[in-house]
Amino acid sequence: MFKGLTSIMYKETFHILRDFRTLFLMLLLPVMDLAIFGFAIDLEVRNIATVVYNLDGRQQSRELLDMFANSGYFTFEDVVLSDAELERAIVRGEAKVGIKIPPDYSDRLLRGESAQVQVLLDGSDSTVAMQALQVINAIALRKSIDIISESAGLPGAFPIDARPRVLFNPDMKTPYFMVPGLVGMIMQSVTMLLTAFAVVREKETGTLEQLMVTPVSRLGLLLGKLLPFAVVGFIEMVFALILMRVLFRVPIAGNVVLLGMFGMIFVFATLGMGLLISTMAQNHMQAVQLALLIMLPSILMSGFMFPIESMPKPLHAVAYVIPATYWIRILRGISLRSAGFADLWDQGLWMLAIGIVVLSIAVSRFRKTLA
């Protein structure tokens, strides 16, 4: 029954050991993913980017802000001087929370009255908004109890009246947060794999040798490979956005043309990543493994599911070299916050820079030789 078993086992073991690159990737991926994601994935949201508009400026207001800062959940990124600046910081994605303390805050507390504090929350990120809402209410309650314990009599109402206001997604619907991220993940995965497999297929079938003897330049050969997939990627993006709007009822509040322009930059970056994979892989198995090396960090570290701010600082560098990080911010910004070019140009510029660097490395690695 088991005749020839040892011979087949020897043959397969020899093939595995001979293909060192595939073996290395098989052993590296689980160890690296576990090490990185074990630190990166944290369901407790911390270090939420926050801007402050303090019209009071006295000791009582500073004590309240200290409670926010010392909680570990909020990181003050900026101090603004108007309501417009406060909302603009949230529209631009620079902050998830905006705290406004009125000018009569200290006066009302000293008179034993209730003082209102307005808190703006970015509802386009429902995960962060829900966590921030809970912490804000807890801090307001804790501060109220401290004030009551220090006063001689009991006030008629809690001294601190926190008034949270959720922007862009008042009901904090999960599809508004998840679906735009899914659009980015699907676009990246499909476009990158198609490009990678296109060149690897030429290597496996031997047709790459025929291309080598043609007078086509290296740049012409690469562009001829990439441009059709760029068209496919753009069409895929259009279909995905239509489904997002029609099927899941996710609004597109901003400029659709601007969204398409940034989308083409994202397609360009993912095409470069796919081409880079194809220059490193010799077969489909290696291409899939290298693609997983990019796709898994993109899913877990791009802000698609978990806020980047909650990850350890060293992992921020990894998150910010992933094109999907910027594309998801742009997609959520235009779709939900009606952000414009002035709000998102820097995100697009970083995405373009990454695409140029990746494509340049891929072109430099590509040679019209079998080596």
Protein backbone atom coordinates (compact mmCIF):
# COMPACT_ATOMS: atom_id res chain seq x y z
CA MET A 1 0.00 0.00 0.00
CA PHE A 2 2.82 2.42 0.89
CA LYS A 3 5.19 1.34 -1.86
CA GLY A 4 7.36 4.23 -3.04
CA LEU A 5 6.33 6.49 -0.14
CA THR A 6 9.89 7.25 0.97
CA SER A 7 10.98 7.99 -2.60
CA ILE A 8 8.18 10.52 -3.10
CA MET A 9 8.87 12.09 0.29
CA TYR A 10 12.57 12.40 -0.61
CA LYS A 11 11.68 13.97 -3.97
CA GLU A 12 9.32 16.57 -2.47
CA THR A 13 11.73 17.41 0.36
CA PHE A 14 14.47 17.95 -2.20
CA HIS A 15 12.25 20.32 -4.21
CA ILE A 16 11.33 22.31 -1.09
CA LEU A 17 14.95 22.67 -0.02
CA ARG A 18 16.05 23.57 -3.53
CA ASP A 19 13.52 26.43 -3.78
CA PHE A 20 15.07 28.42 -0.95
CA ARG A 21 13.11 31.61 -1.69
CA THR A 22 9.72 29.92 -1.30
CA LEU A 23 10.86 28.07 1.81
CA PHE A 24 12.14 31.30 3.33
CA LEU A 25 8.85 33.08 2.69
CA MET A 26 6.86 30.17 4.11
CA LEU A 27 8.83 30.30 7.34
CA LEU A 28 9.13 34.09 7.52
CA LEU A 29 5.51 35.09 6.98
CA PRO A 30 3.91 33.49 10.07
CA VAL A 31 6.68 34.64 12.42
CA MET A 32 6.78 38.20 11.09
CA ASP A 33 2.99 38.60 10.96
CA LEU A 34 2.54 37.33 14.50
CA ALA A 35 5.28 39.58 15.85
CA ILE A 36 4.01 42.73 14.11
CA PHE A 37 0.27 42.23 14.45
CA GLY A 38 0.51 41.10 18.05
CA PHE A 39 1.74 44.59 18.89
CA ALA A 40 -0.30 46.48 16.27
CA ILE A 41 -3.78 45.13 16.99
CA ASP A 42 -5.31 46.79 20.02
CA LEU A 43 -9.08 47.03 20.34
CA GLU A 44 -8.78 49.76 22.97
CA VAL A 45 -8.48 53.08 21.18
CA ARG A 46 -5.88 55.43 22.63
CA ASN A 47 -4.00 58.59 21.65
CA ILE A 48 -7.01 60.03 19.80
CA ALA A 49 -5.91 63.15 17.92
CA THR A 50 -7.66 66.12 19.55
CA VAL A 51 -7.80 69.88 18.99
CA VAL A 52 -8.80 72.39 21.66
CA TYR A 53 -10.67 75.69 21.46
CA ASN A 54 -10.46 77.14 24.97
CA LEU A 55 -12.34 80.44 25.29
CA ASP A 56 -11.98 80.47 29.07
CA GLY A 57 -8.28 79.93 29.64
CA ARG A 58 -8.47 79.94 33.44
CA GLN A 59 -7.48 77.34 36.00
CA GLN A 60 -10.78 75.45 35.99
CA SER A 61 -10.68 74.94 32.22
CA ARG A 62 -7.03 73.91 32.31
CA GLU A 63 -7.79 71.32 34.98
CA LEU A 64 -10.50 69.82 32.77
CA LEU A 65 -8.13 69.66 29.80
CA ASP A 66 -5.49 68.04 32.01
CA MET A 67 -7.99 65.28 32.82
CA PHE A 68 -8.45 64.65 29.10
CA ALA A 69 -4.70 64.61 28.46
CA ASN A 70 -3.86 62.45 31.48
CA SER A 71 -6.49 59.85 30.62
CA GLY A 72 -4.23 58.45 27.90
CA TYR A 73 -7.09 58.43 25.41
CA PHE A 74 -6.55 61.90 23.96
CA THR A 75 -3.49 63.56 22.44
CA PHE A 76 -3.71 67.31 21.95
CA GLU A 77 -2.46 68.07 18.44
CA ASP A 78 -3.27 71.77 18.23
CA VAL A 79 -4.97 74.76 19.84
CA VAL A 80 -7.34 76.62 17.52
CA LEU A 81 -8.80 80.11 17.77
CA SER A 82 -12.18 79.83 16.07
CA ASP A 83 -15.10 77.49 15.45
CA ALA A 84 -14.15 77.33 11.76
CA GLU A 85 -10.62 76.14 12.58
CA LEU A 86 -12.04 73.57 14.98
CA GLU A 87 -14.30 72.00 12.35
CA ARG A 88 -11.67 72.37 9.61
CA ALA A 89 -9.18 70.31 11.63
CA ILE A 90 -11.71 67.49 11.79
CA VAL A 91 -12.66 67.79 8.10
CA ARG A 92 -8.98 67.59 7.13
CA GLY A 93 -8.56 64.46 9.25
CA GLU A 94 -5.98 66.11 11.50
CA ALA A 95 -8.14 65.44 14.56
CA LYS A 96 -10.88 63.01 15.54
CA VAL A 97 -12.10 65.07 18.50
CA GLY A 98 -12.57 68.80 19.02
CA ILE A 99 -13.11 70.26 22.52
CA LYS A 100 -14.65 73.72 22.91
CA ILE A 101 -14.76 75.34 26.37
CA PRO A 102 -17.02 78.42 26.54
CA PRO A 103 -15.79 81.77 27.94
CA ASP A 104 -18.08 81.59 30.98
CA TYR A 105 -16.97 78.07 32.00
CA SER A 106 -15.10 79.11 35.16
CA ASP A 107 -17.67 81.77 36.11
CA ARG A 108 -20.54 79.28 36.03
CA LEU A 109 -18.64 76.74 38.13
CA LEU A 110 -17.74 79.39 40.71
CA ARG A 111 -21.42 80.36 40.93
CA GLY A 112 -22.36 76.71 41.47
CA GLU A 113 -24.06 76.45 38.10
CA SER A 114 -23.73 73.83 35.37
CA ALA A 115 -21.11 74.62 32.69
CA GLN A 116 -21.47 73.20 29.20
CA VAL A 117 -18.52 71.83 27.23
CA GLN A 118 -19.01 71.13 23.54
CA VAL A 119 -17.20 68.13 22.07
CA LEU A 120 -17.14 67.48 18.32
CA LEU A 121 -16.56 63.87 17.22
CA ASP A 122 -15.56 62.62 13.78
CA GLY A 123 -18.33 60.14 12.97
CA SER A 124 -16.58 58.97 9.79
CA ASP A 125 -14.48 56.80 12.10
CA SER A 126 -17.26 55.23 14.15
CA THR A 127 -14.91 53.01 16.17
CA VAL A 128 -12.95 55.97 17.52
CA ALA A 129 -16.09 58.10 17.92
CA MET A 130 -17.87 55.53 20.10
CA GLN A 131 -14.82 55.01 22.30
CA ALA A 132 -14.23 58.75 22.61
CA LEU A 133 -17.88 59.33 23.49
CA GLN A 134 -17.71 56.87 26.38
CA VAL A 135 -14.47 58.33 27.73
CA ILE A 136 -15.73 61.92 27.44
CA ASN A 137 -18.86 61.13 29.44
CA ALA A 138 -16.76 59.33 32.06
CA ILE A 139 -14.36 62.28 32.40
CA ALA A 140 -17.24 64.76 32.70
CA LEU A 141 -18.83 62.60 35.39
CA ARG A 142 -15.55 62.22 37.28
CA LYS A 143 -14.87 65.96 37.18
CA SER A 144 -18.43 66.69 38.33
CA ILE A 145 -18.04 64.33 41.29
CA ASP A 146 -14.75 66.03 42.23
CA ILE A 147 -16.40 69.45 42.17
CA ILE A 148 -19.40 68.25 44.16
CA SER A 149 -17.17 66.67 46.81
CA GLU A 150 -15.35 69.97 47.29
CA SER A 151 -18.49 72.10 47.52
CA ALA A 152 -20.52 72.73 50.67
CA GLY A 153 -23.92 71.94 49.22
CA LEU A 154 -25.32 69.73 46.51
CA PRO A 155 -25.94 71.51 43.19
CA GLY A 156 -29.18 71.13 41.29
CA ALA A 157 -27.37 69.53 38.33
CA PHE A 158 -23.99 68.05 37.53
CA PRO A 159 -21.42 70.87 37.27
CA ILE A 160 -19.94 69.61 33.97
CA ASP A 161 -22.43 69.21 31.15
CA ALA A 162 -20.59 67.56 28.24
CA ARG A 163 -22.42 68.05 24.95
CA PRO A 164 -21.00 65.62 22.37
CA ARG A 165 -21.91 66.27 18.74
CA VAL A 166 -21.13 63.60 16.16
CA LEU A 167 -20.25 65.05 12.76
CA PHE A 168 -20.70 63.46 9.31
CA ASN A 169 -22.18 60.20 10.62
CA PRO A 170 -24.55 61.15 13.47
CA ASP A 171 -25.95 57.62 13.83
CA MET A 172 -22.41 56.17 13.76
CA LYS A 173 -23.41 53.55 11.21
CA THR A 174 -20.73 50.90 10.80
CA PRO A 175 -21.05 50.60 6.98
CA TYR A 176 -20.11 54.28 6.63
CA PHE A 177 -16.81 53.42 8.29
CA MET A 178 -16.12 49.92 6.96
CA VAL A 179 -17.27 50.03 3.32
CA PRO A 180 -14.92 52.83 2.14
CA GLY A 181 -12.05 50.90 3.70
CA LEU A 182 -13.17 47.72 1.96
CA VAL A 183 -13.16 49.55 -1.37
CA GLY A 184 -9.52 50.44 -0.82
CA MET A 185 -8.52 46.92 0.26
CA ILE A 186 -10.26 45.23 -2.66
CA MET A 187 -8.83 47.67 -5.19
CA GLN A 188 -5.31 47.16 -3.88
CA SER A 189 -5.52 43.37 -3.74
CA VAL A 190 -7.00 42.84 -7.20
CA THR A 191 -4.86 45.40 -9.03
CA MET A 192 -1.62 44.33 -7.36
CA LEU A 193 -2.18 40.61 -7.95
CA LEU A 194 -3.20 41.06 -11.58
CA THR A 195 -0.03 43.02 -12.32
CA ALA A 196 2.21 40.60 -10.44
CA PHE A 197 0.74 37.54 -12.15
CA ALA A 198 0.99 39.12 -15.61
CA VAL A 199 4.80 39.23 -15.52
CA VAL A 200 5.22 35.99 -13.54
CA ARG A 201 3.07 34.20 -16.10
CA GLU A 202 5.51 35.30 -18.81
CA LYS A 203 8.35 33.77 -16.81
CA GLU A 204 6.57 30.47 -16.20
CA THR A 205 5.38 29.99 -19.79
CA GLY A 206 8.71 31.02 -21.29
CA THR A 207 7.23 33.82 -23.41
CA LEU A 208 9.47 36.30 -21.63
CA GLU A 209 12.32 34.96 -23.78
CA GLN A 210 10.45 35.99 -26.93
CA LEU A 211 9.98 39.52 -25.57
CA MET A 212 13.69 39.74 -24.86
CA VAL A 213 14.65 39.47 -28.51
CA THR A 214 12.20 42.17 -29.61
CA PRO A 215 13.30 45.80 -30.13
CA VAL A 216 10.85 46.94 -27.41
CA SER A 217 12.55 49.05 -24.76
CA ARG A 218 12.38 48.07 -21.10
CA LEU A 219 10.19 51.09 -20.29
CA GLY A 220 7.94 50.37 -23.26
CA LEU A 221 7.55 46.77 -22.18
CA LEU A 222 6.64 47.74 -18.63
CA LEU A 223 4.20 50.46 -19.65
CA GLY A 224 2.58 48.06 -22.11
CA LYS A 225 2.06 45.69 -19.21
CA LEU A 226 0.83 48.29 -16.76
CA LEU A 227 -1.49 50.57 -18.73
CA PRO A 228 -4.17 47.95 -19.51
CA PHE A 229 -4.29 47.07 -15.82
CA ALA A 230 -4.51 50.76 -14.96
CA VAL A 231 -7.69 50.94 -17.05
CA VAL A 232 -9.01 47.79 -15.36
CA GLY A 233 -8.18 49.25 -11.94
CA PHE A 234 -10.02 52.48 -12.74
CA ILE A 235 -13.10 50.61 -13.94
CA GLU A 236 -12.94 48.46 -10.81
CA MET A 237 -12.84 51.62 -8.70
CA VAL A 238 -15.92 53.04 -10.46
CA PHE A 239 -17.89 49.81 -9.94
CA ALA A 240 -16.84 49.64 -6.29
CA LEU A 241 -17.92 53.24 -5.64
CA ILE A 242 -21.27 52.64 -7.36
CA LEU A 243 -21.87 49.59 -5.17
CA MET A 244 -20.82 51.54 -2.10
CA ARG A 245 -23.36 54.23 -2.89
CA VAL A 246 -26.26 52.11 -4.19
CA LEU A 247 -26.01 48.88 -2.24
CA PHE A 248 -24.73 50.13 1.14
CA ARG A 249 -26.17 53.68 0.98
CA VAL A 250 -22.84 55.25 1.89
CA PRO A 251 -23.03 58.92 0.84
CA ILE A 252 -20.47 60.61 -1.37
CA ALA A 253 -20.71 64.14 -0.07
CA GLY A 254 -17.60 65.52 -1.79
CA ASN A 255 -16.34 65.99 -5.34
CA VAL A 256 -16.52 62.77 -7.37
CA VAL A 257 -13.99 64.04 -9.93
CA LEU A 258 -11.49 64.74 -7.16
CA LEU A 259 -12.10 61.26 -5.79
CA GLY A 260 -11.40 59.78 -9.22
CA MET A 261 -8.17 61.76 -9.55
CA PHE A 262 -6.87 60.51 -6.22
CA GLY A 263 -8.10 57.03 -7.16
CA MET A 264 -5.88 56.99 -10.24
CA ILE A 265 -2.89 57.87 -8.07
CA PHE A 266 -3.75 54.94 -5.82
CA VAL A 267 -4.07 52.60 -8.81
CA PHE A 268 -0.67 53.83 -10.02
CA ALA A 269 0.87 53.03 -6.62
CA THR A 270 -0.66 49.53 -6.45
CA LEU A 271 0.45 48.77 -10.00
CA GLY A 272 3.98 49.64 -8.97
CA MET A 273 3.70 47.29 -5.99
CA GLY A 274 2.46 44.49 -8.24
CA LEU A 275 5.31 45.04 -10.67
CA LEU A 276 7.83 45.00 -7.82
CA ILE A 277 6.43 41.67 -6.65
CA SER A 278 6.74 40.27 -10.18
CA THR A 279 10.44 41.19 -10.33
CA MET A 280 11.08 39.30 -7.09
CA ALA A 281 8.93 36.21 -7.72
CA GLN A 282 9.79 33.35 -10.05
CA ASN A 283 6.41 31.61 -9.91
CA HIS A 284 2.81 32.11 -8.83
CA MET A 285 3.43 30.62 -5.38
CA GLN A 286 6.13 33.16 -4.59
CA ALA A 287 3.98 35.97 -6.01
CA VAL A 288 1.10 35.03 -3.71
CA GLN A 289 3.38 34.85 -0.68
CA LEU A 290 4.94 38.24 -1.42
CA ALA A 291 1.48 39.72 -2.01
CA LEU A 292 0.36 38.43 1.38
CA LEU A 293 3.40 40.12 2.87
CA ILE A 294 1.88 43.41 1.69
CA MET A 295 -1.85 42.73 1.94
CA LEU A 296 -1.95 41.60 5.58
CA PRO A 297 -0.21 44.74 6.91
CA SER A 298 -2.46 46.81 4.64
CA ILE A 299 -5.59 45.30 6.16
CA LEU A 300 -4.52 45.59 9.78
CA MET A 301 -2.22 48.63 9.84
CA SER A 302 -3.67 51.10 7.33
CA GLY A 303 -6.43 52.40 9.59
CA PHE A 304 -8.98 50.24 7.81
CA MET A 305 -10.01 48.48 11.03
CA PHE A 306 -7.76 49.73 13.83
CA PRO A 307 -6.63 53.34 14.41
CA ILE A 308 -2.97 53.91 13.65
CA GLU A 309 -2.68 56.17 16.70
CA SER A 310 -3.30 53.18 19.00
CA MET A 311 -0.34 51.24 17.58
CA PRO A 312 3.18 51.44 19.04
CA LYS A 313 5.22 54.31 17.61
CA PRO A 314 7.75 52.11 15.73
CA LEU A 315 4.89 50.57 13.73
CA HIS A 316 3.71 53.98 12.54
CA ALA A 317 6.59 53.97 10.06
CA VAL A 318 5.22 50.76 8.54
CA ALA A 319 1.68 52.14 8.36
CA TYR A 320 2.79 55.31 6.59
CA VAL A 321 4.55 53.49 3.72
CA ILE A 322 1.34 51.64 2.81
CA PRO A 323 -0.52 53.46 -0.01
CA ALA A 324 -3.85 52.18 1.30
CA THR A 325 -3.35 54.25 4.46
CA TYR A 326 -3.64 57.46 2.46
CA TRP A 327 -6.30 56.20 0.06
CA ILE A 328 -8.64 55.18 2.89
CA ARG A 329 -8.20 58.61 4.49
CA ILE A 330 -8.95 60.29 1.17
CA LEU A 331 -11.96 58.08 0.46
CA ARG A 332 -13.50 58.63 3.89
CA GLY A 333 -12.65 62.32 3.77
CA ILE A 334 -14.32 63.01 0.42
CA SER A 335 -17.22 60.60 0.89
CA LEU A 336 -18.24 61.45 4.44
CA ARG A 337 -16.60 64.74 5.44
CA SER A 338 -16.89 66.50 2.05
CA ALA A 339 -13.18 67.30 2.21
CA GLY A 340 -11.69 69.15 -0.74
CA PHE A 341 -8.33 69.27 -2.49
CA ALA A 342 -6.96 71.81 0.01
CA ASP A 343 -7.74 69.34 2.82
CA LEU A 344 -6.31 66.20 1.22
CA TRP A 345 -3.54 67.27 -1.15
CA ASP A 346 -0.82 66.17 1.27
CA GLN A 347 -2.32 62.67 1.51
CA GLY A 348 -2.35 62.42 -2.28
CA LEU A 349 1.21 63.72 -2.50
CA TRP A 350 2.50 61.09 -0.07
CA MET A 351 0.65 58.38 -1.99
CA LEU A 352 2.13 59.61 -5.28
CA ALA A 353 5.63 59.71 -3.79
CA ILE A 354 5.33 56.12 -2.56
CA GLY A 355 4.08 55.04 -6.00
CA ILE A 356 7.02 56.72 -7.77
CA VAL A 357 9.56 55.17 -5.40
CA VAL A 358 8.06 51.68 -5.66
CA LEU A 359 7.74 51.85 -9.45
CA SER A 360 11.31 53.17 -9.79
CA ILE A 361 12.65 50.27 -7.73
CA ALA A 362 10.61 47.81 -9.80
CA VAL A 363 11.87 49.27 -13.10
CA SER A 364 15.48 49.20 -11.89
CA ARG A 365 15.10 45.55 -10.88
CA PHE A 366 13.49 44.52 -14.15
CA ARG A 367 15.93 43.35 -16.77
CA LYS A 368 15.37 41.97 -20.20
CA THR A 369 17.32 38.90 -19.20
CA LEU A 370 16.42 35.61 -17.64
CA ALA A 371 18.65 36.41 -14.68
